[in-house]
Structure formats: structure tokens, C-alpha cells
Amino acid sequence: MCGLVGVANFGSGGLYANQVEAFTDLLIADSVRGSDGTGIMAINAKGRRTTFKNVGHPYNLIHSKDYDEVTNYTKQPYLKILAGHNRYATTGDPNHVNSHPFYRAPITLMHNGTLT
């Protein structure tokens, strides 16, 4: 079944380098819960939400330009929340559409299990 990970910093400023590194490590470790798809959601201090996802193991996502752009704390100095999802395809094909997170304004959703 799928796995969920996350880090947050609600103090002044944003996430520290060690928090972003811990998130990346958690995303990799959580791949034991599923490696059919991986996605992340980032929220900055202004409430701007960024999501992206990829098919397959977290390494596919972590080694992408998008991941660097979103999680680079020097480029994103006020990044407040990082949440990640590793998918184990219990229903539906392992593809980009079925990977999480899902966005339906104004909600971003990641879940563990099957929703009907």
C-alpha cells in the first residue's frame, strides 16, 4: 500500500537544508511502500502550492530539474511544507495520471488506500 511523508517549518523563514535533505531521504526510504509513482507538493510562505509527480521510483523524481527547482532552499527561501507520496498501484495502471498528488481546486490530495 502507498506511503506518505512530509516536513514542515512554521517558524519564521522557511525549511532548513537539513529538513529538505531529511524529506528526500524519507521519500527514498518510503519507496518500500510503493514505487509505481512518486509525487510531491510544496507550499511556500505566501501559500503558493506547487505539485509534480512522475511514474516509478522516487529516484526518477529526485534526479529531475523540477525537484531541484522546488526543493532548493536557496531558491525557495520561504518554503514551509513538503509532502510526498509513493504509490503502490492497487487499482489503476501505474502511470502519470494515477500518481499522486491530485489537485481539484482548492484541494490537493494524497491518500493511502483506495477511494471510491
C-alpha atoms as a PDB file:
ATOM      1  CA  MET A   1       0.000   0.000   0.000  1.00  0.00           C
ATOM      2  CA  CYS A   2       1.114   3.599  -0.601  1.00  0.00           C
ATOM      3  CA  GLY A   3       3.239   5.715   1.719  1.00  0.00           C
ATOM      4  CA  LEU A   4       3.128   9.360   2.779  1.00  0.00           C
ATOM      5  CA  VAL A   5       5.963  11.553   4.115  1.00  0.00           C
ATOM      6  CA  GLY A   6       6.354  15.211   4.949  1.00  0.00           C
ATOM      7  CA  VAL A   7       8.242  18.001   6.690  1.00  0.00           C
ATOM      8  CA  ALA A   8       7.067  21.441   7.775  1.00  0.00           C
ATOM      9  CA  ASN A   9       8.517  24.547   9.409  1.00  0.00           C
ATOM     10  CA  PHE A  10       6.005  27.074  10.684  1.00  0.00           C
ATOM     11  CA  GLY A  11       8.594  29.368  12.282  1.00  0.00           C
ATOM     12  CA  SER A  12       9.956  32.498  10.655  1.00  0.00           C
ATOM     13  CA  GLY A  13      11.807  31.772   7.440  1.00  0.00           C
ATOM     14  CA  GLY A  14      11.485  28.500   5.632  1.00  0.00           C
ATOM     15  CA  LEU A  15      12.684  24.932   5.700  1.00  0.00           C
ATOM     16  CA  TYR A  16      16.331  24.417   6.599  1.00  0.00           C
ATOM     17  CA  ALA A  17      18.737  22.473   4.408  1.00  0.00           C
ATOM     18  CA  ASN A  18      18.718  19.509   6.810  1.00  0.00           C
ATOM     19  CA  GLN A  19      14.891  19.387   6.700  1.00  0.00           C
ATOM     20  CA  VAL A  20      14.894  19.260   2.894  1.00  0.00           C
ATOM     21  CA  GLU A  21      17.582  16.569   2.977  1.00  0.00           C
ATOM     22  CA  ALA A  22      15.546  14.596   5.530  1.00  0.00           C
ATOM     23  CA  PHE A  23      12.489  14.865   3.277  1.00  0.00           C
ATOM     24  CA  THR A  24      14.459  13.485   0.330  1.00  0.00           C
ATOM     25  CA  ASP A  25      15.744  10.617   2.486  1.00  0.00           C
ATOM     26  CA  LEU A  26      12.210   9.914   3.729  1.00  0.00           C
ATOM     27  CA  LEU A  27      10.878   9.848   0.166  1.00  0.00           C
ATOM     28  CA  ILE A  28      13.525   7.286  -0.810  1.00  0.00           C
ATOM     29  CA  ALA A  29      13.041   5.161   2.315  1.00  0.00           C
ATOM     30  CA  ASP A  30       9.267   5.247   1.841  1.00  0.00           C
ATOM     31  CA  SER A  31       9.638   3.636  -1.584  1.00  0.00           C
ATOM     32  CA  VAL A  32       9.297   0.294   0.220  1.00  0.00           C
ATOM     33  CA  ARG A  33       5.610   1.266   0.462  1.00  0.00           C
ATOM     34  CA  GLY A  34       5.385   1.683  -3.327  1.00  0.00           C
ATOM     35  CA  SER A  35       7.458   2.601  -6.344  1.00  0.00           C
ATOM     36  CA  ASP A  36       4.828   2.731  -9.097  1.00  0.00           C
ATOM     37  CA  GLY A  37       4.652   6.529  -8.871  1.00  0.00           C
ATOM     38  CA  THR A  38       6.103   9.349  -6.785  1.00  0.00           C
ATOM     39  CA  GLY A  39       4.898  12.897  -6.271  1.00  0.00           C
ATOM     40  CA  ILE A  40       5.434  15.903  -4.061  1.00  0.00           C
ATOM     41  CA  MET A  41       3.609  19.033  -3.004  1.00  0.00           C
ATOM     42  CA  ALA A  42       5.403  22.159  -1.794  1.00  0.00           C
ATOM     43  CA  ILE A  43       3.825  25.198  -0.148  1.00  0.00           C
ATOM     44  CA  ASN A  44       5.654  28.465   0.429  1.00  0.00           C
ATOM     45  CA  ALA A  45       5.030  31.223   2.986  1.00  0.00           C
ATOM     46  CA  LYS A  46       2.668  33.021   0.602  1.00  0.00           C
ATOM     47  CA  GLY A  47       0.512  29.903   0.281  1.00  0.00           C
ATOM     48  CA  ARG A  48       1.656  29.133  -3.270  1.00  0.00           C
ATOM     49  CA  ARG A  49       1.303  25.422  -3.932  1.00  0.00           C
ATOM     50  CA  THR A  50       3.494  23.540  -6.379  1.00  0.00           C
ATOM     51  CA  THR A  51       2.977  19.890  -7.243  1.00  0.00           C
ATOM     52  CA  PHE A  52       4.628  17.478  -9.583  1.00  0.00           C
ATOM     53  CA  LYS A  53       4.743  13.739  -9.976  1.00  0.00           C
ATOM     54  CA  ASN A  54       6.413  11.035 -12.004  1.00  0.00           C
ATOM     55  CA  VAL A  55       5.958   7.363 -12.784  1.00  0.00           C
ATOM     56  CA  GLY A  56       8.234   4.985 -10.958  1.00  0.00           C
ATOM     57  CA  HIS A  57      10.729   5.081  -8.134  1.00  0.00           C
ATOM     58  CA  PRO A  58      11.472   8.304  -6.214  1.00  0.00           C
ATOM     59  CA  TYR A  59      14.919   8.430  -7.838  1.00  0.00           C
ATOM     60  CA  ASN A  60      13.175   9.308 -11.118  1.00  0.00           C
ATOM     61  CA  LEU A  61      11.673  12.368  -9.437  1.00  0.00           C
ATOM     62  CA  ILE A  62      14.561  13.351  -7.170  1.00  0.00           C
ATOM     63  CA  HIS A  63      17.026  13.491 -10.041  1.00  0.00           C
ATOM     64  CA  SER A  64      14.813  15.788 -12.105  1.00  0.00           C
ATOM     65  CA  LYS A  65      15.244  19.502 -12.699  1.00  0.00           C
ATOM     66  CA  ASP A  66      11.751  20.103 -11.270  1.00  0.00           C
ATOM     67  CA  TYR A  67      12.703  18.554  -7.938  1.00  0.00           C
ATOM     68  CA  ASP A  68      15.785  20.755  -7.669  1.00  0.00           C
ATOM     69  CA  GLU A  69      13.770  23.860  -8.509  1.00  0.00           C
ATOM     70  CA  VAL A  70      11.109  23.175  -5.884  1.00  0.00           C
ATOM     71  CA  THR A  71      13.264  21.902  -3.018  1.00  0.00           C
ATOM     72  CA  ASN A  72      16.310  24.155  -3.386  1.00  0.00           C
ATOM     73  CA  TYR A  73      16.059  26.157  -0.174  1.00  0.00           C
ATOM     74  CA  THR A  74      18.316  28.907  -1.557  1.00  0.00           C
ATOM     75  CA  LYS A  75      15.946  29.433  -4.490  1.00  0.00           C
ATOM     76  CA  GLN A  76      12.884  28.850  -2.301  1.00  0.00           C
ATOM     77  CA  PRO A  77      13.861  30.620   0.950  1.00  0.00           C
ATOM     78  CA  TYR A  78      10.324  30.607   2.334  1.00  0.00           C
ATOM     79  CA  LEU A  79       9.357  27.025   1.581  1.00  0.00           C
ATOM     80  CA  LYS A  80       7.161  25.936   4.509  1.00  0.00           C
ATOM     81  CA  ILE A  81       5.834  22.460   3.702  1.00  0.00           C
ATOM     82  CA  LEU A  82       6.988  19.493   1.652  1.00  0.00           C
ATOM     83  CA  ALA A  83       4.691  16.465   1.399  1.00  0.00           C
ATOM     84  CA  GLY A  84       5.408  13.352  -0.620  1.00  0.00           C
ATOM     85  CA  HIS A  85       3.618  10.241  -1.810  1.00  0.00           C
ATOM     86  CA  ASN A  86       4.912   6.891  -3.042  1.00  0.00           C
ATOM     87  CA  ARG A  87       2.329   4.872  -4.917  1.00  0.00           C
ATOM     88  CA  TYR A  88       1.765   1.144  -4.870  1.00  0.00           C
ATOM     89  CA  ALA A  89      -0.733   0.534  -7.674  1.00  0.00           C
ATOM     90  CA  THR A  90      -3.512  -1.495  -6.057  1.00  0.00           C
ATOM     91  CA  THR A  91      -6.037  -0.269  -8.631  1.00  0.00           C
ATOM     92  CA  GLY A  92      -5.413   1.611 -11.837  1.00  0.00           C
ATOM     93  CA  ASP A  93      -2.371   1.473 -14.055  1.00  0.00           C
ATOM     94  CA  PRO A  94       0.977   2.797 -12.849  1.00  0.00           C
ATOM     95  CA  ASN A  95       1.005   5.982 -14.921  1.00  0.00           C
ATOM     96  CA  HIS A  96       1.318   9.746 -14.513  1.00  0.00           C
ATOM     97  CA  VAL A  97      -2.434  10.340 -14.275  1.00  0.00           C
ATOM     98  CA  ASN A  98      -2.866   7.856 -11.415  1.00  0.00           C
ATOM     99  CA  SER A  99       0.178   9.072  -9.462  1.00  0.00           C
ATOM    100  CA  HIS A 100      -0.382  11.453  -6.552  1.00  0.00           C
ATOM    101  CA  PRO A 101      -0.875  14.235  -5.610  1.00  0.00           C
ATOM    102  CA  PHE A 102      -4.239  15.027  -7.174  1.00  0.00           C
ATOM    103  CA  TYR A 103      -5.369  18.620  -7.458  1.00  0.00           C
ATOM    104  CA  ARG A 104      -9.006  19.663  -7.592  1.00  0.00           C
ATOM    105  CA  ALA A 105      -9.233  23.354  -6.709  1.00  0.00           C
ATOM    106  CA  PRO A 106      -8.756  24.248  -3.924  1.00  0.00           C
ATOM    107  CA  ILE A 107      -7.754  20.810  -2.585  1.00  0.00           C
ATOM    108  CA  THR A 108      -4.546  18.862  -3.078  1.00  0.00           C
ATOM    109  CA  LEU A 109      -4.933  15.217  -2.092  1.00  0.00           C
ATOM    110  CA  MET A 110      -2.619  12.306  -1.418  1.00  0.00           C
ATOM    111  CA  HIS A 111      -4.005   9.161   0.141  1.00  0.00           C
ATOM    112  CA  ASN A 112      -3.113   5.673   1.236  1.00  0.00           C
ATOM    113  CA  GLY A 113      -5.562   3.084   0.016  1.00  0.00           C
ATOM    114  CA  THR A 114      -8.416   3.127  -2.465  1.00  0.00           C
ATOM    115  CA  LEU A 115     -11.092   5.828  -2.603  1.00  0.00           C
ATOM    116  CA  THR A 116     -14.410   5.103  -4.239  1.00  0.00           C
END
